PDB file of N, CA and C in Angstrom:
ATOM      1  N   MET A   1     111.514  87.164 125.015  1.00  0.00           N
ATOM      2  CA  MET A   1     111.034  88.888 124.414  1.00  0.00           C
ATOM      3  C   MET A   1     110.181  88.658 122.967  1.00  0.00           C
ATOM      4  N   THR A   2     109.470  89.112 123.026  1.00  0.00           N
ATOM      5  CA  THR A   2     108.810  88.988 121.847  1.00  0.00           C
ATOM      6  C   THR A   2     109.086  90.320 120.881  1.00  0.00           C
ATOM      7  N   THR A   3     109.639  89.551 120.011  1.00  0.00           N
ATOM      8  CA  THR A   3     110.200  90.269 118.409  1.00  0.00           C
ATOM      9  C   THR A   3     109.109  90.519 117.668  1.00  0.00           C
ATOM     10  N   TRP A   4     109.027  91.628 117.353  1.00  0.00           N
ATOM     11  CA  TRP A   4     108.082  91.626 115.599  1.00  0.00           C
ATOM     12  C   TRP A   4     108.651  92.355 114.572  1.00  0.00           C
ATOM     13  N   GLU A   5     107.685  92.445 113.701  1.00  0.00           N
ATOM     14  CA  GLU A   5     107.813  92.532 111.995  1.00  0.00           C
ATOM     15  C   GLU A   5     107.148  93.411 111.249  1.00  0.00           C
ATOM     16  N   TYR A   6     107.043  94.228 110.899  1.00  0.00           N
ATOM     17  CA  TYR A   6     106.636  95.495 110.170  1.00  0.00           C
ATOM     18  C   TYR A   6     106.177  95.896 108.677  1.00  0.00           C
ATOM     19  N   LEU A   7     105.272  96.023 108.381  1.00  0.00           N
ATOM     20  CA  LEU A   7     104.763  96.244 106.573  1.00  0.00           C
ATOM     21  C   LEU A   7     103.907  97.485 107.030  1.00  0.00           C
ATOM     22  N   THR A   8     104.144  98.088 105.751  1.00  0.00           N
ATOM     23  CA  THR A   8     103.580  98.679 104.861  1.00  0.00           C
ATOM     24  C   THR A   8     103.078  98.604 103.558  1.00  0.00           C
ATOM     25  N   THR A   9     101.796  98.892 103.593  1.00  0.00           N
ATOM     26  CA  THR A   9     101.125  98.716 101.889  1.00  0.00           C
ATOM     27  C   THR A   9     100.205  99.708 101.836  1.00  0.00           C
ATOM     28  N   PRO A  10      99.952 100.506 100.193  1.00  0.00           N
ATOM     29  CA  PRO A  10      98.944 101.248 100.149  1.00  0.00           C
ATOM     30  C   PRO A  10      97.602 100.382 100.462  1.00  0.00           C
ATOM     31  N   LEU A  11      96.693 101.293 100.594  1.00  0.00           N
ATOM     32  CA  LEU A  11      95.230 101.139 100.495  1.00  0.00           C
ATOM     33  C   LEU A  11      94.225 101.407  99.421  1.00  0.00           C
ATOM     34  N   ILE A  12      94.266 101.238  98.414  1.00  0.00           N
ATOM     35  CA  ILE A  12      92.908 101.645  97.443  1.00  0.00           C
ATOM     36  C   ILE A  12      91.827 101.955  98.001  1.00  0.00           C
ATOM     37  N   VAL A  13      90.334 102.849  98.290  1.00  0.00           N
ATOM     38  CA  VAL A  13      89.883 102.886  98.855  1.00  0.00           C
ATOM     39  C   VAL A  13      88.734 101.877  98.131  1.00  0.00           C
ATOM     40  N   HIS A  14      88.155 101.626  97.271  1.00  0.00           N
ATOM     41  CA  HIS A  14      87.132 100.900  96.252  1.00  0.00           C
ATOM     42  C   HIS A  14      87.716  99.360  96.919  1.00  0.00           C
ATOM     43  N   ASN A  15      88.770  98.996  97.702  1.00  0.00           N
ATOM     44  CA  ASN A  15      89.314  97.288  97.713  1.00  0.00           C
ATOM     45  C   ASN A  15      89.960  97.534  98.863  1.00  0.00           C
ATOM     46  N   THR A  16      89.675  98.303 100.094  1.00  0.00           N
ATOM     47  CA  THR A  16      90.242  98.582 102.134  1.00  0.00           C
ATOM     48  C   THR A  16      89.652  97.396 102.319  1.00  0.00           C
ATOM     49  N   ALA A  17      88.522  96.661 102.474  1.00  0.00           N
ATOM     50  CA  ALA A  17      88.871  95.708 103.230  1.00  0.00           C
ATOM     51  C   ALA A  17      89.042  94.225 102.910  1.00  0.00           C
ATOM     52  N   ALA A  18      89.352  94.163 101.322  1.00  0.00           N
ATOM     53  CA  ALA A  18      89.909  93.319 100.971  1.00  0.00           C
ATOM     54  C   ALA A  18      91.410  92.940 100.846  1.00  0.00           C
ATOM     55  N   ILE A  19      91.516  94.826 100.849  1.00  0.00           N
ATOM     56  CA  ILE A  19      93.589  94.391 100.770  1.00  0.00           C
ATOM     57  C   ILE A  19      93.548  94.020 102.979  1.00  0.00           C
ATOM     58  N   LEU A  20      93.343  94.530 103.655  1.00  0.00           N
ATOM     59  CA  LEU A  20      93.422  94.137 104.981  1.00  0.00           C
ATOM     60  C   LEU A  20      93.104  92.760 105.295  1.00  0.00           C
ATOM     61  N   ASN A  21      91.878  92.403 104.791  1.00  0.00           N
ATOM     62  CA  ASN A  21      91.394  90.690 104.616  1.00  0.00           C
ATOM     63  C   ASN A  21      92.203  89.799 104.662  1.00  0.00           C
ATOM     64  N   ASN A  22      93.359  90.069 103.531  1.00  0.00           N
ATOM     65  CA  ASN A  22      94.023  88.966 102.643  1.00  0.00           C
ATOM     66  C   ASN A  22      95.622  89.325 103.658  1.00  0.00           C
ATOM     67  N   TRP A  23      96.027  90.401 104.128  1.00  0.00           N
ATOM     68  CA  TRP A  23      97.314  90.513 105.524  1.00  0.00           C
ATOM     69  C   TRP A  23      97.137  90.148 106.623  1.00  0.00           C
ATOM     70  N   GLY A  24      95.466  89.652 106.997  1.00  0.00           N
ATOM     71  CA  GLY A  24      95.302  89.247 108.531  1.00  0.00           C
ATOM     72  C   GLY A  24      95.021  88.180 108.016  1.00  0.00           C
ATOM     73  N   SER A  25      95.061  87.311 107.467  1.00  0.00           N
ATOM     74  CA  SER A  25      94.802  85.773 107.408  1.00  0.00           C
ATOM     75  C   SER A  25      96.461  85.681 107.041  1.00  0.00           C
ATOM     76  N   GLU A  26      97.236  86.150 106.394  1.00  0.00           N
ATOM     77  CA  GLU A  26      98.652  85.681 106.768  1.00  0.00           C
ATOM     78  C   GLU A  26      98.903  86.415 108.339  1.00  0.00           C
ATOM     79  N   GLY A  27      98.603  86.631 109.284  1.00  0.00           N
ATOM     80  CA  GLY A  27      98.462  87.159 110.480  1.00  0.00           C
ATOM     81  C   GLY A  27      99.032  87.997 111.025  1.00  0.00           C
ATOM     82  N   TRP A  28      98.721  89.280 109.891  1.00  0.00           N
ATOM     83  CA  TRP A  28      99.324  91.042 110.052  1.00  0.00           C
ATOM     84  C   TRP A  28      98.187  91.406 110.793  1.00  0.00           C
ATOM     85  N   GLU A  29      98.446  91.970 111.836  1.00  0.00           N
ATOM     86  CA  GLU A  29      97.555  93.560 112.903  1.00  0.00           C
ATOM     87  C   GLU A  29      97.597  94.583 112.092  1.00  0.00           C
ATOM     88  N   LEU A  30      96.728  95.186 112.096  1.00  0.00           N
ATOM     89  CA  LEU A  30      96.424  96.221 111.415  1.00  0.00           C
ATOM     90  C   LEU A  30      97.062  97.172 112.443  1.00  0.00           C
ATOM     91  N   VAL A  31      97.696  97.990 112.610  1.00  0.00           N
ATOM     92  CA  VAL A  31      98.339  99.370 113.470  1.00  0.00           C
ATOM     93  C   VAL A  31      97.660 100.502 113.511  1.00  0.00           C
ATOM     94  N   GLN A  32      98.100 101.230 112.143  1.00  0.00           N
ATOM     95  CA  GLN A  32      97.784 102.532 112.120  1.00  0.00           C
ATOM     96  C   GLN A  32      97.359 102.968 109.901  1.00  0.00           C
ATOM     97  N   VAL A  33      96.873 103.645 109.930  1.00  0.00           N
ATOM     98  CA  VAL A  33      96.327 103.791 108.641  1.00  0.00           C
ATOM     99  C   VAL A  33      96.226 105.737 108.149  1.00  0.00           C
ATOM    100  N   VAL A  34      97.298 105.791 107.940  1.00  0.00           N
ATOM    101  CA  VAL A  34      97.534 107.369 107.785  1.00  0.00           C
ATOM    102  C   VAL A  34      97.278 107.588 106.134  1.00  0.00           C
ATOM    103  N   ASN A  35      97.718 109.463 105.751  1.00  0.00           N
ATOM    104  CA  ASN A  35      97.562 109.575 104.787  1.00  0.00           C
ATOM    105  C   ASN A  35      99.524 109.499 104.037  1.00  0.00           C
ATOM    106  N   GLY A  36      99.342 109.145 102.948  1.00  0.00           N
ATOM    107  CA  GLY A  36     100.663 108.787 102.553  1.00  0.00           C
ATOM    108  C   GLY A  36     100.906 110.292 101.835  1.00  0.00           C
ATOM    109  N   PRO A  37     102.373 110.014 101.754  1.00  0.00           N
ATOM    110  CA  PRO A  37     103.610 111.192 101.109  1.00  0.00           C
ATOM    111  C   PRO A  37     102.368 112.080 100.129  1.00  0.00           C
ATOM    112  N   GLU A  38     102.228 111.182  98.837  1.00  0.00           N
ATOM    113  CA  GLU A  38     101.716 111.462  97.755  1.00  0.00           C
ATOM    114  C   GLU A  38      99.677 111.145  97.904  1.00  0.00           C
ATOM    115  N   GLY A  39      99.392 111.242  98.511  1.00  0.00           N
ATOM    116  CA  GLY A  39      97.922 111.398  98.559  1.00  0.00           C
ATOM    117  C   GLY A  39      98.130 109.771  98.885  1.00  0.00           C
ATOM    118  N   GLY A  40      96.610 109.089  99.086  1.00  0.00           N
ATOM    119  CA  GLY A  40      96.223 108.007  99.213  1.00  0.00           C
ATOM    120  C   GLY A  40      96.444 107.500 101.026  1.00  0.00           C
ATOM    121  N   LEU A  41      96.126 106.644 100.988  1.00  0.00           N
ATOM    122  CA  LEU A  41      95.818 105.751 102.303  1.00  0.00           C
ATOM    123  C   LEU A  41      97.219 105.066 102.279  1.00  0.00           C
ATOM    124  N   VAL A  42      97.541 104.894 103.386  1.00  0.00           N
ATOM    125  CA  VAL A  42      98.702 103.539 103.834  1.00  0.00           C
ATOM    126  C   VAL A  42      98.307 103.526 105.354  1.00  0.00           C
ATOM    127  N   ALA A  43      98.891 102.181 105.376  1.00  0.00           N
ATOM    128  CA  ALA A  43      98.247 100.453 106.154  1.00  0.00           C
ATOM    129  C   ALA A  43     100.053 100.595 106.956  1.00  0.00           C
ATOM    130  N   TYR A  44      99.642 100.545 108.339  1.00  0.00           N
ATOM    131  CA  TYR A  44     101.049  99.770 108.689  1.00  0.00           C
ATOM    132  C   TYR A  44     100.643  98.744 110.044  1.00  0.00           C
ATOM    133  N   LEU A  45     101.113  97.670 109.701  1.00  0.00           N
ATOM    134  CA  LEU A  45     100.895  96.430 110.279  1.00  0.00           C
ATOM    135  C   LEU A  45     102.225  95.890 110.939  1.00  0.00           C
ATOM    136  N   LYS A  46     101.862  94.639 111.794  1.00  0.00           N
ATOM    137  CA  LYS A  46     102.686  94.370 112.656  1.00  0.00           C
ATOM    138  C   LYS A  46     102.598  93.060 112.585  1.00  0.00           C
ATOM    139  N   ARG A  47     103.297  92.477 113.157  1.00  0.00           N
ATOM    140  CA  ARG A  47     103.000  91.129 113.160  1.00  0.00           C
ATOM    141  C   ARG A  47     104.189  90.031 114.126  1.00  0.00           C
ATOM    142  N   GLU A  48     103.848  89.450 114.862  1.00  0.00           N
ATOM    143  CA  GLU A  48     105.113  88.589 115.771  1.00  0.00           C
ATOM    144  C   GLU A  48     105.879  87.688 115.616  1.00  0.00           C
ATOM    145  N   LYS A  49     107.579  88.449 115.057  1.00  0.00           N
ATOM    146  CA  LYS A  49     108.495  87.663 114.248  1.00  0.00           C
ATOM    147  C   LYS A  49     108.524  86.330 114.823  1.00  0.00           C
ATOM    148  N   ALA A  50     108.626  84.574 113.686  1.00  0.00           N
ATOM    149  CA  ALA A  50     109.164  83.712 113.856  1.00  0.00           C
ATOM    150  C   ALA A  50     110.473  83.501 114.848  1.00  0.00           C
ATOM    151  N   GLU A  51     110.729  82.594 115.888  1.00  0.00           N
ATOM    152  CA  GLU A  51     112.209  82.409 116.750  1.00  0.00           C
ATOM    153  C   GLU A  51     112.813  82.309 116.136  1.00  0.00           C
ATOM    154  N   ASN A  52     112.979  81.821 114.767  1.00  0.00           N
ATOM    155  CA  ASN A  52     113.925  81.136 113.900  1.00  0.00           C
ATOM    156  C   ASN A  52     114.697  82.286 112.383  1.00  0.00           C
ATOM    157  N   ALA A  53     113.759  83.302 112.568  1.00  0.00           N
ATOM    158  CA  ALA A  53     113.089  84.363 111.407  1.00  0.00           C
ATOM    159  C   ALA A  53     114.775  85.138 111.946  1.00  0.00           C
TER     160      ALA A  53
END
């Protein structure tokens, strides 16, 4: 069975692509972007969890 790990990170509007590309290069896939509770954007990402982790 596939298991996942999740990450949330704030997105800075003028640097969004660089932030997402950085996480993507580490295997994270963008799932959703939402408005944060204090304003701004928050990205939710996931990646397959390593079997031994």
